[in-house]
Every structure is written in C-alpha cells, then in structure tokens.
Amino acid sequence: MTEKQIRLEVVYALADKQALLEVVVEKGTTVQDAIRASGILKRFPDIDLNETKVGIWYRTCKLTDEPKDGDRIAIYRPLIADPKDARRRRAEKAKDEGRADKVTGGRVNPLRAEKDE
C-alpha cells in the first residue's frame, strides 16, 4: 500500500449471509467506486446502488462522498417492517395480555401483589 492509497472495509448482511470485504483504493475514491472495487456487487447481485442506502461507520452518506483510510462502508438492505409499527403492535399485545403498566413498566410490583391477595 502506498501513501496515495487507503484501506477500507465494505460490509453487507442478509439474514443468512454476511460479507465483510477489505479493499485498497486510491485516495479520493468515492464510496460508490470503493463498493464496486470490493467485488461485493458480484457476490450479491441483488444490490442496486440506485435504490440502496449506504453509510460510513453506520451514518448514512452519499455515493459521491470520499471515505478516509480505515473507514467501514455499510450497504443497507431495505427494512422488512416499519420499526414504529412493530413497536406499536408489541405495546398493544402487552396491553391486551395485562403486561403493560405505566407505573412499573410491566414488572410485578410486590406491594400491589400483596394487596390483591
């Protein structure tokens, strides 16, 4: 590796497969060029960089951004479920099952249990 080169990691994960690839590129290389140079697009042909979001150290960035030496570029897959909807469903289920208590957060209150007996 020369002074004009930087070392990066490119990561992508599916439920059943993950990849962490190291790549050495010239300084000034864009995130998109680093992803292409890593060969990850050949391993995962379903990645569409026009649609997929990417990040450096898990902070969203643009494909035209320039990473620094030692950066990790993550390729994000689309969410299967909206996190807010999933949390809302869990909260409703806990309420229906009697596990939701604003005071205790669902934990059993020993003082309350004694009164109920």
PDB file of N, CA and C in Angstrom:
ATOM      1  N   MET A   1       0.839  -1.174   0.000  1.00  0.00           N
ATOM      2  CA  MET A   1       0.000   0.000   0.000  1.00  0.00           C
ATOM      3  C   MET A   1       0.893   1.249   0.000  1.00  0.00           C
ATOM      4  N   THR A   2       0.577   2.189  -0.858  1.00  0.00           N
ATOM      5  CA  THR A   2       1.371   3.412  -0.953  1.00  0.00           C
ATOM      6  C   THR A   2       0.693   4.546  -0.189  1.00  0.00           C
ATOM      7  N   GLU A   3       1.366   5.682  -0.120  1.00  0.00           N
ATOM      8  CA  GLU A   3       0.799   6.851   0.563  1.00  0.00           C
ATOM      9  C   GLU A   3      -0.433   7.386  -0.148  1.00  0.00           C
ATOM     10  N   LYS A   4      -0.586   7.049  -1.400  1.00  0.00           N
ATOM     11  CA  LYS A   4      -1.733   7.531  -2.180  1.00  0.00           C
ATOM     12  C   LYS A   4      -2.925   6.589  -2.091  1.00  0.00           C
ATOM     13  N   GLN A   5      -2.797   5.533  -1.313  1.00  0.00           N
ATOM     14  CA  GLN A   5      -3.870   4.550  -1.194  1.00  0.00           C
ATOM     15  C   GLN A   5      -4.440   4.544   0.220  1.00  0.00           C
ATOM     16  N   ILE A   6      -5.687   4.085   0.305  1.00  0.00           N
ATOM     17  CA  ILE A   6      -6.342   3.928   1.607  1.00  0.00           C
ATOM     18  C   ILE A   6      -6.952   2.530   1.683  1.00  0.00           C
ATOM     19  N   ARG A   7      -7.066   2.035   2.896  1.00  0.00           N
ATOM     20  CA  ARG A   7      -7.643   0.711   3.141  1.00  0.00           C
ATOM     21  C   ARG A   7      -9.050   0.918   3.719  1.00  0.00           C
ATOM     22  N   LEU A   8     -10.037   0.236   3.140  1.00  0.00           N
ATOM     23  CA  LEU A   8     -11.432   0.348   3.566  1.00  0.00           C
ATOM     24  C   LEU A   8     -12.027  -1.030   3.778  1.00  0.00           C
ATOM     25  N   GLU A   9     -13.137  -1.079   4.489  1.00  0.00           N
ATOM     26  CA  GLU A   9     -13.939  -2.294   4.597  1.00  0.00           C
ATOM     27  C   GLU A   9     -15.302  -1.998   3.991  1.00  0.00           C
ATOM     28  N   VAL A  10     -15.853  -2.970   3.295  1.00  0.00           N
ATOM     29  CA  VAL A  10     -17.206  -2.870   2.749  1.00  0.00           C
ATOM     30  C   VAL A  10     -17.999  -4.026   3.336  1.00  0.00           C
ATOM     31  N   VAL A  11     -19.151  -3.712   3.947  1.00  0.00           N
ATOM     32  CA  VAL A  11     -19.951  -4.745   4.607  1.00  0.00           C
ATOM     33  C   VAL A  11     -21.381  -4.744   4.073  1.00  0.00           C
ATOM     34  N   TYR A  12     -21.947  -5.956   4.074  1.00  0.00           N
ATOM     35  CA  TYR A  12     -23.344  -6.147   3.680  1.00  0.00           C
ATOM     36  C   TYR A  12     -23.835  -7.406   4.374  1.00  0.00           C
ATOM     37  N   ALA A  13     -25.067  -7.374   4.864  1.00  0.00           N
ATOM     38  CA  ALA A  13     -25.582  -8.538   5.584  1.00  0.00           C
ATOM     39  C   ALA A  13     -27.025  -8.817   5.205  1.00  0.00           C
ATOM     40  N   LEU A  14     -27.285 -10.094   4.971  1.00  0.00           N
ATOM     41  CA  LEU A  14     -28.642 -10.607   4.812  1.00  0.00           C
ATOM     42  C   LEU A  14     -28.915 -11.484   6.025  1.00  0.00           C
ATOM     43  N   ALA A  15     -30.113 -11.997   6.137  1.00  0.00           N
ATOM     44  CA  ALA A  15     -30.450 -12.845   7.279  1.00  0.00           C
ATOM     45  C   ALA A  15     -29.577 -14.101   7.328  1.00  0.00           C
ATOM     46  N   ASP A  16     -29.235 -14.640   6.162  1.00  0.00           N
ATOM     47  CA  ASP A  16     -28.493 -15.900   6.128  1.00  0.00           C
ATOM     48  C   ASP A  16     -27.059 -15.788   5.612  1.00  0.00           C
ATOM     49  N   LYS A  17     -26.664 -14.612   5.082  1.00  0.00           N
ATOM     50  CA  LYS A  17     -25.309 -14.428   4.559  1.00  0.00           C
ATOM     51  C   LYS A  17     -24.802 -13.038   4.923  1.00  0.00           C
ATOM     52  N   GLN A  18     -23.524 -12.969   5.229  1.00  0.00           N
ATOM     53  CA  GLN A  18     -22.894 -11.686   5.502  1.00  0.00           C
ATOM     54  C   GLN A  18     -21.559 -11.636   4.778  1.00  0.00           C
ATOM     55  N   ALA A  19     -21.124 -10.415   4.506  1.00  0.00           N
ATOM     56  CA  ALA A  19     -19.812 -10.257   3.878  1.00  0.00           C
ATOM     57  C   ALA A  19     -19.135  -9.021   4.448  1.00  0.00           C
ATOM     58  N   LEU A  20     -17.861  -9.148   4.780  1.00  0.00           N
ATOM     59  CA  LEU A  20     -17.012  -8.040   5.188  1.00  0.00           C
ATOM     60  C   LEU A  20     -15.757  -8.160   4.329  1.00  0.00           C
ATOM     61  N   LEU A  21     -15.619  -7.251   3.400  1.00  0.00           N
ATOM     62  CA  LEU A  21     -14.507  -7.316   2.447  1.00  0.00           C
ATOM     63  C   LEU A  21     -13.577  -6.130   2.643  1.00  0.00           C
ATOM     64  N   GLU A  22     -12.293  -6.393   2.584  1.00  0.00           N
ATOM     65  CA  GLU A  22     -11.306  -5.322   2.678  1.00  0.00           C
ATOM     66  C   GLU A  22     -10.873  -4.958   1.261  1.00  0.00           C
ATOM     67  N   VAL A  23     -10.710  -3.663   1.031  1.00  0.00           N
ATOM     68  CA  VAL A  23     -10.307  -3.195  -0.291  1.00  0.00           C
ATOM     69  C   VAL A  23      -9.316  -2.042  -0.124  1.00  0.00           C
ATOM     70  N   VAL A  24      -8.323  -1.990  -1.001  1.00  0.00           N
ATOM     71  CA  VAL A  24      -7.355  -0.897  -1.031  1.00  0.00           C
ATOM     72  C   VAL A  24      -7.629  -0.109  -2.307  1.00  0.00           C
ATOM     73  N   VAL A  25      -7.864   1.197  -2.136  1.00  0.00           N
ATOM     74  CA  VAL A  25      -8.188   2.068  -3.273  1.00  0.00           C
ATOM     75  C   VAL A  25      -7.345   3.338  -3.197  1.00  0.00           C
ATOM     76  N   GLU A  26      -7.346   4.084  -4.273  1.00  0.00           N
ATOM     77  CA  GLU A  26      -6.625   5.354  -4.312  1.00  0.00           C
ATOM     78  C   GLU A  26      -7.360   6.389  -3.458  1.00  0.00           C
ATOM     79  N   LYS A  27      -6.597   7.301  -2.836  1.00  0.00           N
ATOM     80  CA  LYS A  27      -7.214   8.415  -2.113  1.00  0.00           C
ATOM     81  C   LYS A  27      -8.082   9.189  -3.092  1.00  0.00           C
ATOM     82  N   GLY A  28      -9.212   9.699  -2.623  1.00  0.00           N
ATOM     83  CA  GLY A  28     -10.120  10.452  -3.489  1.00  0.00           C
ATOM     84  C   GLY A  28     -11.177   9.581  -4.147  1.00  0.00           C
ATOM     85  N   THR A  29     -11.102   8.278  -3.916  1.00  0.00           N
ATOM     86  CA  THR A  29     -12.102   7.358  -4.454  1.00  0.00           C
ATOM     87  C   THR A  29     -13.442   7.616  -3.767  1.00  0.00           C
ATOM     88  N   THR A  30     -14.524   7.525  -4.505  1.00  0.00           N
ATOM     89  CA  THR A  30     -15.849   7.722  -3.916  1.00  0.00           C
ATOM     90  C   THR A  30     -16.333   6.438  -3.265  1.00  0.00           C
ATOM     91  N   VAL A  31     -17.363   6.571  -2.452  1.00  0.00           N
ATOM     92  CA  VAL A  31     -17.977   5.404  -1.812  1.00  0.00           C
ATOM     93  C   VAL A  31     -18.436   4.416  -2.882  1.00  0.00           C
ATOM     94  N   GLN A  32     -19.066   4.911  -3.924  1.00  0.00           N
ATOM     95  CA  GLN A  32     -19.552   4.043  -4.997  1.00  0.00           C
ATOM     96  C   GLN A  32     -18.404   3.282  -5.661  1.00  0.00           C
ATOM     97  N   ASP A  33     -17.316   3.967  -5.952  1.00  0.00           N
ATOM     98  CA  ASP A  33     -16.173   3.300  -6.582  1.00  0.00           C
ATOM     99  C   ASP A  33     -15.549   2.252  -5.661  1.00  0.00           C
ATOM    100  N   ALA A  34     -15.503   2.549  -4.365  1.00  0.00           N
ATOM    101  CA  ALA A  34     -14.958   1.586  -3.405  1.00  0.00           C
ATOM    102  C   ALA A  34     -15.827   0.336  -3.328  1.00  0.00           C
ATOM    103  N   ILE A  35     -17.136   0.526  -3.348  1.00  0.00           N
ATOM    104  CA  ILE A  35     -18.060  -0.619  -3.328  1.00  0.00           C
ATOM    105  C   ILE A  35     -17.830  -1.488  -4.564  1.00  0.00           C
ATOM    106  N   ARG A  36     -17.743  -0.851  -5.709  1.00  0.00           N
ATOM    107  CA  ARG A  36     -17.515  -1.606  -6.948  1.00  0.00           C
ATOM    108  C   ARG A  36     -16.166  -2.326  -6.913  1.00  0.00           C
ATOM    109  N   ALA A  37     -15.129  -1.661  -6.413  1.00  0.00           N
ATOM    110  CA  ALA A  37     -13.795  -2.253  -6.354  1.00  0.00           C
ATOM    111  C   ALA A  37     -13.732  -3.446  -5.396  1.00  0.00           C
ATOM    112  N   SER A  38     -14.598  -3.463  -4.399  1.00  0.00           N
ATOM    113  CA  SER A  38     -14.575  -4.550  -3.417  1.00  0.00           C
ATOM    114  C   SER A  38     -15.046  -5.880  -3.993  1.00  0.00           C
ATOM    115  N   GLY A  39     -15.825  -5.842  -5.070  1.00  0.00           N
ATOM    116  CA  GLY A  39     -16.367  -7.065  -5.660  1.00  0.00           C
ATOM    117  C   GLY A  39     -17.651  -7.548  -4.989  1.00  0.00           C
ATOM    118  N   ILE A  40     -18.176  -6.785  -4.057  1.00  0.00           N
ATOM    119  CA  ILE A  40     -19.369  -7.216  -3.320  1.00  0.00           C
ATOM    120  C   ILE A  40     -20.606  -7.275  -4.219  1.00  0.00           C
ATOM    121  N   LEU A  41     -20.624  -6.461  -5.265  1.00  0.00           N
ATOM    122  CA  LEU A  41     -21.779  -6.464  -6.178  1.00  0.00           C
ATOM    123  C   LEU A  41     -21.857  -7.763  -6.975  1.00  0.00           C
ATOM    124  N   LYS A  42     -20.735  -8.430  -7.172  1.00  0.00           N
ATOM    125  CA  LYS A  42     -20.742  -9.728  -7.843  1.00  0.00           C
ATOM    126  C   LYS A  42     -21.240 -10.819  -6.908  1.00  0.00           C
ATOM    127  N   ARG A  43     -20.901 -10.700  -5.611  1.00  0.00           N
ATOM    128  CA  ARG A  43     -21.364 -11.686  -4.618  1.00  0.00           C
ATOM    129  C   ARG A  43     -22.848 -11.556  -4.334  1.00  0.00           C
ATOM    130  N   PHE A  44     -23.347 -10.321  -4.377  1.00  0.00           N
ATOM    131  CA  PHE A  44     -24.750 -10.041  -4.074  1.00  0.00           C
ATOM    132  C   PHE A  44     -25.358  -9.232  -5.220  1.00  0.00           C
ATOM    133  N   PRO A  45     -25.727  -9.912  -6.295  1.00  0.00           N
ATOM    134  CA  PRO A  45     -26.235  -9.193  -7.468  1.00  0.00           C
ATOM    135  C   PRO A  45     -27.556  -8.468  -7.227  1.00  0.00           C
ATOM    136  N   ASP A  46     -28.235  -8.754  -6.109  1.00  0.00           N
ATOM    137  CA  ASP A  46     -29.498  -8.087  -5.807  1.00  0.00           C
ATOM    138  C   ASP A  46     -29.298  -6.651  -5.311  1.00  0.00           C
ATOM    139  N   ILE A  47     -28.066  -6.252  -5.004  1.00  0.00           N
ATOM    140  CA  ILE A  47     -27.803  -4.880  -4.543  1.00  0.00           C
ATOM    141  C   ILE A  47     -27.939  -3.930  -5.723  1.00  0.00           C
ATOM    142  N   ASP A  48     -28.807  -2.935  -5.560  1.00  0.00           N
ATOM    143  CA  ASP A  48     -28.994  -1.896  -6.574  1.00  0.00           C
ATOM    144  C   ASP A  48     -28.571  -0.577  -5.943  1.00  0.00           C
ATOM    145  N   LEU A  49     -27.411  -0.076  -6.298  1.00  0.00           N
ATOM    146  CA  LEU A  49     -26.894   1.134  -5.674  1.00  0.00           C
ATOM    147  C   LEU A  49     -27.763   2.358  -5.954  1.00  0.00           C
ATOM    148  N   ASN A  50     -28.602   2.303  -6.974  1.00  0.00           N
ATOM    149  CA  ASN A  50     -29.513   3.420  -7.242  1.00  0.00           C
ATOM    150  C   ASN A  50     -30.651   3.470  -6.224  1.00  0.00           C
ATOM    151  N   GLU A  51     -30.951   2.335  -5.609  1.00  0.00           N
ATOM    152  CA  GLU A  51     -32.058   2.242  -4.655  1.00  0.00           C
ATOM    153  C   GLU A  51     -31.587   2.062  -3.210  1.00  0.00           C
ATOM    154  N   THR A  52     -30.432   1.453  -3.028  1.00  0.00           N
ATOM    155  CA  THR A  52     -29.945   1.071  -1.702  1.00  0.00           C
ATOM    156  C   THR A  52     -29.225   2.231  -1.031  1.00  0.00           C
ATOM    157  N   LYS A  53     -29.465   2.382   0.277  1.00  0.00           N
ATOM    158  CA  LYS A  53     -28.751   3.404   1.042  1.00  0.00           C
ATOM    159  C   LYS A  53     -27.432   2.833   1.532  1.00  0.00           C
ATOM    160  N   VAL A  54     -26.462   3.723   1.708  1.00  0.00           N
ATOM    161  CA  VAL A  54     -25.139   3.323   2.193  1.00  0.00           C
ATOM    162  C   VAL A  54     -24.721   4.258   3.322  1.00  0.00           C
ATOM    163  N   GLY A  55     -23.721   3.834   4.078  1.00  0.00           N
ATOM    164  CA  GLY A  55     -23.220   4.677   5.153  1.00  0.00           C
ATOM    165  C   GLY A  55     -21.763   4.405   5.430  1.00  0.00           C
ATOM    166  N   ILE A  56     -21.140   5.367   6.089  1.00  0.00           N
ATOM    167  CA  ILE A  56     -19.770   5.212   6.569  1.00  0.00           C
ATOM    168  C   ILE A  56     -19.859   5.153   8.082  1.00  0.00           C
ATOM    169  N   TRP A  57     -19.366   4.069   8.667  1.00  0.00           N
ATOM    170  CA  TRP A  57     -19.477   3.816  10.098  1.00  0.00           C
ATOM    171  C   TRP A  57     -20.926   3.983  10.554  1.00  0.00           C
ATOM    172  N   TYR A  58     -21.837   3.457   9.752  1.00  0.00           N
ATOM    173  CA  TYR A  58     -23.264   3.373  10.073  1.00  0.00           C
ATOM    174  C   TYR A  58     -23.946   4.727  10.197  1.00  0.00           C
ATOM    175  N   ARG A  59     -23.397   5.719   9.506  1.00  0.00           N
ATOM    176  CA  ARG A  59     -24.060   7.008   9.331  1.00  0.00           C
ATOM    177  C   ARG A  59     -24.293   7.169   7.840  1.00  0.00           C
ATOM    178  N   THR A  60     -25.523   7.396   7.474  1.00  0.00           N
ATOM    179  CA  THR A  60     -25.873   7.486   6.067  1.00  0.00           C
ATOM    180  C   THR A  60     -24.988   8.511   5.351  1.00  0.00           C
ATOM    181  N   CYS A  61     -24.578   8.158   4.146  1.00  0.00           N
ATOM    182  CA  CYS A  61     -23.768   9.064   3.336  1.00  0.00           C
ATOM    183  C   CYS A  61     -24.207   8.951   1.882  1.00  0.00           C
ATOM    184  N   LYS A  62     -23.601   9.768   1.049  1.00  0.00           N
ATOM    185  CA  LYS A  62     -23.884   9.743  -0.389  1.00  0.00           C
ATOM    186  C   LYS A  62     -22.860   8.863  -1.090  1.00  0.00           C
ATOM    187  N   LEU A  63     -23.238   8.350  -2.235  1.00  0.00           N
ATOM    188  CA  LEU A  63     -22.311   7.533  -3.030  1.00  0.00           C
ATOM    189  C   LEU A  63     -21.120   8.347  -3.519  1.00  0.00           C
ATOM    190  N   THR A  64     -21.279   9.667  -3.567  1.00  0.00           N
ATOM    191  CA  THR A  64     -20.209  10.537  -4.059  1.00  0.00           C
ATOM    192  C   THR A  64     -19.257  10.999  -2.951  1.00  0.00           C
ATOM    193  N   ASP A  65     -19.547  10.648  -1.695  1.00  0.00           N
ATOM    194  CA  ASP A  65     -18.659  11.011  -0.585  1.00  0.00           C
ATOM    195  C   ASP A  65     -17.335  10.265  -0.708  1.00  0.00           C
ATOM    196  N   GLU A  66     -16.286  10.862  -0.141  1.00  0.00           N
ATOM    197  CA  GLU A  66     -14.963  10.240  -0.178  1.00  0.00           C
ATOM    198  C   GLU A  66     -14.622   9.692   1.205  1.00  0.00           C
ATOM    199  N   PRO A  67     -14.487   8.378   1.327  1.00  0.00           N
ATOM    200  CA  PRO A  67     -14.126   7.794   2.626  1.00  0.00           C
ATOM    201  C   PRO A  67     -12.659   8.041   2.949  1.00  0.00           C
ATOM    202  N   LYS A  68     -12.355   7.922   4.260  1.00  0.00           N
ATOM    203  CA  LYS A  68     -10.974   8.073   4.725  1.00  0.00           C
ATOM    204  C   LYS A  68     -10.386   6.698   5.023  1.00  0.00           C
ATOM    205  N   ASP A  69      -9.080   6.667   5.161  1.00  0.00           N
ATOM    206  CA  ASP A  69      -8.388   5.423   5.467  1.00  0.00           C
ATOM    207  C   ASP A  69      -8.964   4.803   6.745  1.00  0.00           C
ATOM    208  N   GLY A  70      -9.293   3.530   6.681  1.00  0.00           N
ATOM    209  CA  GLY A  70      -9.817   2.808   7.834  1.00  0.00           C
ATOM    210  C   GLY A  70     -11.330   2.846   7.968  1.00  0.00           C
ATOM    211  N   ASP A  71     -12.020   3.559   7.079  1.00  0.00           N
ATOM    212  CA  ASP A  71     -13.480   3.637   7.165  1.00  0.00           C
ATOM    213  C   ASP A  71     -14.131   2.313   6.809  1.00  0.00           C
ATOM    214  N   ARG A  72     -15.322   2.120   7.359  1.00  0.00           N
ATOM    215  CA  ARG A  72     -16.144   0.957   7.012  1.00  0.00           C
ATOM    216  C   ARG A  72     -17.375   1.466   6.285  1.00  0.00           C
ATOM    217  N   ILE A  73     -17.574   0.968   5.068  1.00  0.00           N
ATOM    218  CA  ILE A  73     -18.731   1.347   4.265  1.00  0.00           C
ATOM    219  C   ILE A  73     -19.766   0.238   4.406  1.00  0.00           C
ATOM    220  N   ALA A  74     -20.958   0.608   4.841  1.00  0.00           N
ATOM    221  CA  ALA A  74     -22.042  -0.364   5.011  1.00  0.00           C
ATOM    222  C   ALA A  74     -23.085  -0.155   3.923  1.00  0.00           C
ATOM    223  N   ILE A  75     -23.535  -1.255   3.355  1.00  0.00           N
ATOM    224  CA  ILE A  75     -24.620  -1.227   2.377  1.00  0.00           C
ATOM    225  C   ILE A  75     -25.855  -1.709   3.117  1.00  0.00           C
ATOM    226  N   TYR A  76     -26.876  -0.858   3.183  1.00  0.00           N
ATOM    227  CA  TYR A  76     -28.077  -1.178   3.955  1.00  0.00           C
ATOM    228  C   TYR A  76     -29.100  -1.890   3.089  1.00  0.00           C
ATOM    229  N   ARG A  77     -29.738  -2.894   3.664  1.00  0.00           N
ATOM    230  CA  ARG A  77     -30.828  -3.560   2.951  1.00  0.00           C
ATOM    231  C   ARG A  77     -32.133  -2.910   3.386  1.00  0.00           C
ATOM    232  N   PRO A  78     -33.169  -2.998   2.568  1.00  0.00           N
ATOM    233  CA  PRO A  78     -34.441  -2.370   2.940  1.00  0.00           C
ATOM    234  C   PRO A  78     -35.047  -3.040   4.168  1.00  0.00           C
ATOM    235  N   LEU A  79     -35.756  -2.265   4.962  1.00  0.00           N
ATOM    236  CA  LEU A  79     -36.414  -2.807   6.144  1.00  0.00           C
ATOM    237  C   LEU A  79     -37.607  -3.658   5.731  1.00  0.00           C
ATOM    238  N   ILE A  80     -37.789  -4.755   6.427  1.00  0.00           N
ATOM    239  CA  ILE A  80     -38.928  -5.631   6.162  1.00  0.00           C
ATOM    240  C   ILE A  80     -40.178  -5.068   6.816  1.00  0.00           C
ATOM    241  N   ALA A  81     -40.026  -4.519   8.018  1.00  0.00           N
ATOM    242  CA  ALA A  81     -41.151  -3.959   8.753  1.00  0.00           C
ATOM    243  C   ALA A  81     -40.782  -2.576   9.265  1.00  0.00           C
ATOM    244  N   ASP A  82     -41.775  -1.712   9.348  1.00  0.00           N
ATOM    245  CA  ASP A  82     -41.577  -0.383   9.899  1.00  0.00           C
ATOM    246  C   ASP A  82     -41.359  -0.505  11.408  1.00  0.00           C
ATOM    247  N   PRO A  83     -40.232  -0.038  11.947  1.00  0.00           N
ATOM    248  CA  PRO A  83     -39.955  -0.196  13.377  1.00  0.00           C
ATOM    249  C   PRO A  83     -41.026   0.406  14.283  1.00  0.00           C
ATOM    250  N   LYS A  84     -41.622   1.526  13.865  1.00  0.00           N
ATOM    251  CA  LYS A  84     -42.670   2.150  14.685  1.00  0.00           C
ATOM    252  C   LYS A  84     -43.911   1.263  14.747  1.00  0.00           C
ATOM    253  N   ASP A  85     -44.281   0.687  13.609  1.00  0.00           N
ATOM    254  CA  ASP A  85     -45.446  -0.216  13.600  1.00  0.00           C
ATOM    255  C   ASP A  85     -45.177  -1.458  14.429  1.00  0.00           C
ATOM    256  N   ALA A  86     -43.977  -2.007  14.340  1.00  0.00           N
ATOM    257  CA  ALA A  86     -43.632  -3.211  15.110  1.00  0.00           C
ATOM    258  C   ALA A  86     -43.699  -2.918  16.608  1.00  0.00           C
ATOM    259  N   ARG A  87     -43.199  -1.776  17.030  1.00  0.00           N
ATOM    260  CA  ARG A  87     -43.246  -1.417  18.440  1.00  0.00           C
ATOM    261  C   ARG A  87     -44.684  -1.195  18.901  1.00  0.00           C
ATOM    262  N   ARG A  88     -45.475  -0.552  18.071  1.00  0.00           N
ATOM    263  CA  ARG A  88     -46.884  -0.316  18.397  1.00  0.00           C
ATOM    264  C   ARG A  88     -47.617  -1.648  18.590  1.00  0.00           C
ATOM    265  N   ARG A  89     -47.360  -2.607  17.702  1.00  0.00           N
ATOM    266  CA  ARG A  89     -48.001  -3.931  17.826  1.00  0.00           C
ATOM    267  C   ARG A  89     -47.563  -4.642  19.112  1.00  0.00           C
ATOM    268  N   ARG A  90     -46.266  -4.548  19.454  1.00  0.00           N
ATOM    269  CA  ARG A  90     -45.786  -5.169  20.698  1.00  0.00           C
ATOM    270  C   ARG A  90     -46.441  -4.524  21.919  1.00  0.00           C
ATOM    271  N   ALA A  91     -46.584  -3.199  21.900  1.00  0.00           N
ATOM    272  CA  ALA A  91     -47.194  -2.494  23.025  1.00  0.00           C
ATOM    273  C   ALA A  91     -48.668  -2.869  23.161  1.00  0.00           C
ATOM    274  N   GLU A  92     -49.375  -2.972  22.048  1.00  0.00           N
ATOM    275  CA  GLU A  92     -50.788  -3.366  22.092  1.00  0.00           C
ATOM    276  C   GLU A  92     -50.948  -4.788  22.618  1.00  0.00           C
ATOM    277  N   LYS A  93     -50.051  -5.679  22.199  1.00  0.00           N
ATOM    278  CA  LYS A  93     -50.105  -7.062  22.671  1.00  0.00           C
ATOM    279  C   LYS A  93     -49.852  -7.128  24.174  1.00  0.00           C
ATOM    280  N   ALA A  94     -48.867  -6.366  24.662  1.00  0.00           N
ATOM    281  CA  ALA A  94     -48.572  -6.339  26.095  1.00  0.00           C
ATOM    282  C   ALA A  94     -49.765  -5.794  26.872  1.00  0.00           C
ATOM    283  N   LYS A  95     -50.423  -4.794  26.323  1.00  0.00           N
ATOM    284  CA  LYS A  95     -51.604  -4.218  26.978  1.00  0.00           C
ATOM    285  C   LYS A  95     -52.729  -5.244  27.052  1.00  0.00           C
ATOM    286  N   ASP A  96     -52.962  -5.943  25.949  1.00  0.00           N
ATOM    287  CA  ASP A  96     -54.011  -6.972  25.904  1.00  0.00           C
ATOM    288  C   ASP A  96     -53.726  -8.114  26.884  1.00  0.00           C
ATOM    289  N   GLU A  97     -52.444  -8.424  27.066  1.00  0.00           N
ATOM    290  CA  GLU A  97     -52.066  -9.522  27.958  1.00  0.00           C
ATOM    291  C   GLU A  97     -51.909  -9.062  29.410  1.00  0.00           C
ATOM    292  N   GLY A  98     -52.117  -7.780  29.662  1.00  0.00           N
ATOM    293  CA  GLY A  98     -52.006  -7.266  31.019  1.00  0.00           C
ATOM    294  C   GLY A  98     -50.579  -7.036  31.478  1.00  0.00           C
ATOM    295  N   ARG A  99     -49.644  -7.028  30.551  1.00  0.00           N
ATOM    296  CA  ARG A  99     -48.244  -6.819  30.909  1.00  0.00           C
ATOM    297  C   ARG A  99     -47.844  -5.351  30.859  1.00  0.00           C
ATOM    298  N   ALA A 100     -48.716  -4.498  30.365  1.00  0.00           N
ATOM    299  CA  ALA A 100     -48.379  -3.083  30.237  1.00  0.00           C
ATOM    300  C   ALA A 100     -48.882  -2.324  31.456  1.00  0.00           C
ATOM    301  N   ASP A 101     -47.974  -1.746  32.188  1.00  0.00           N
ATOM    302  CA  ASP A 101     -48.316  -0.974  33.378  1.00  0.00           C
ATOM    303  C   ASP A 101     -47.457   0.285  33.342  1.00  0.00           C
ATOM    304  N   LYS A 102     -48.102   1.450  33.270  1.00  0.00           N
ATOM    305  CA  LYS A 102     -47.343   2.695  33.144  1.00  0.00           C
ATOM    306  C   LYS A 102     -46.444   2.948  34.345  1.00  0.00           C
ATOM    307  N   VAL A 103     -46.848   2.472  35.513  1.00  0.00           N
ATOM    308  CA  VAL A 103     -46.074   2.732  36.723  1.00  0.00           C
ATOM    309  C   VAL A 103     -44.856   1.825  36.808  1.00  0.00           C
ATOM    310  N   THR A 104     -45.050   0.544  36.574  1.00  0.00           N
ATOM    311  CA  THR A 104     -43.949  -0.410  36.756  1.00  0.00           C
ATOM    312  C   THR A 104     -43.297  -0.830  35.453  1.00  0.00           C
ATOM    313  N   GLY A 105     -43.860  -0.441  34.334  1.00  0.00           N
ATOM    314  CA  GLY A 105     -43.296  -0.850  33.049  1.00  0.00           C
ATOM    315  C   GLY A 105     -43.484  -2.331  32.784  1.00  0.00           C
ATOM    316  N   GLY A 106     -44.502  -2.937  33.420  1.00  0.00           N
ATOM    317  CA  GLY A 106     -44.787  -4.347  33.198  1.00  0.00           C
ATOM    318  C   GLY A 106     -44.197  -5.260  34.247  1.00  0.00           C
ATOM    319  N   ARG A 107     -43.331  -4.693  35.123  1.00  0.00           N
ATOM    320  CA  ARG A 107     -42.752  -5.518  36.180  1.00  0.00           C
ATOM    321  C   ARG A 107     -43.783  -5.713  37.285  1.00  0.00           C
ATOM    322  N   VAL A 108     -43.692  -6.799  37.999  1.00  0.00           N
ATOM    323  CA  VAL A 108     -44.610  -7.091  39.095  1.00  0.00           C
ATOM    324  C   VAL A 108     -44.229  -6.226  40.289  1.00  0.00           C
ATOM    325  N   ASN A 109     -45.202  -5.523  40.822  1.00  0.00           N
ATOM    326  CA  ASN A 109     -44.990  -4.688  41.996  1.00  0.00           C
ATOM    327  C   ASN A 109     -45.356  -5.517  43.224  1.00  0.00           C
ATOM    328  N   PRO A 110     -44.386  -5.880  44.075  1.00  0.00           N
ATOM    329  CA  PRO A 110     -44.668  -6.748  45.211  1.00  0.00           C
ATOM    330  C   PRO A 110     -45.707  -6.159  46.158  1.00  0.00           C
ATOM    331  N   LEU A 111     -45.764  -4.841  46.332  1.00  0.00           N
ATOM    332  CA  LEU A 111     -46.750  -4.224  47.225  1.00  0.00           C
ATOM    333  C   LEU A 111     -48.149  -4.384  46.662  1.00  0.00           C
ATOM    334  N   ARG A 112     -48.264  -4.235  45.370  1.00  0.00           N
ATOM    335  CA  ARG A 112     -49.557  -4.365  44.723  1.00  0.00           C
ATOM    336  C   ARG A 112     -50.037  -5.828  44.780  1.00  0.00           C
ATOM    337  N   ALA A 113     -49.093  -6.779  44.605  1.00  0.00           N
ATOM    338  CA  ALA A 113     -49.430  -8.202  44.629  1.00  0.00           C
ATOM    339  C   ALA A 113     -49.985  -8.596  45.999  1.00  0.00           C
ATOM    340  N   GLU A 114     -49.437  -8.016  47.079  1.00  0.00           N
ATOM    341  CA  GLU A 114     -49.916  -8.317  48.432  1.00  0.00           C
ATOM    342  C   GLU A 114     -51.330  -7.801  48.640  1.00  0.00           C
ATOM    343  N   LYS A 115     -51.656  -6.621  48.099  1.00  0.00           N
ATOM    344  CA  LYS A 115     -52.987  -6.040  48.240  1.00  0.00           C
ATOM    345  C   LYS A 115     -54.032  -6.871  47.513  1.00  0.00           C
ATOM    346  N   ASP A 116     -53.634  -7.434  46.361  1.00  0.00           N
ATOM    347  CA  ASP A 116     -54.567  -8.212  45.553  1.00  0.00           C
ATOM    348  C   ASP A 116     -54.930  -9.528  46.229  1.00  0.00           C
ATOM    349  N   GLU A 117     -54.107 -10.005  47.139  1.00  0.00           N
ATOM    350  CA  GLU A 117     -54.355 -11.308  47.755  1.00  0.00           C
ATOM    351  C   GLU A 117     -55.352 -11.249  48.840  1.00  0.00           C
TER     352      GLU A 117
END
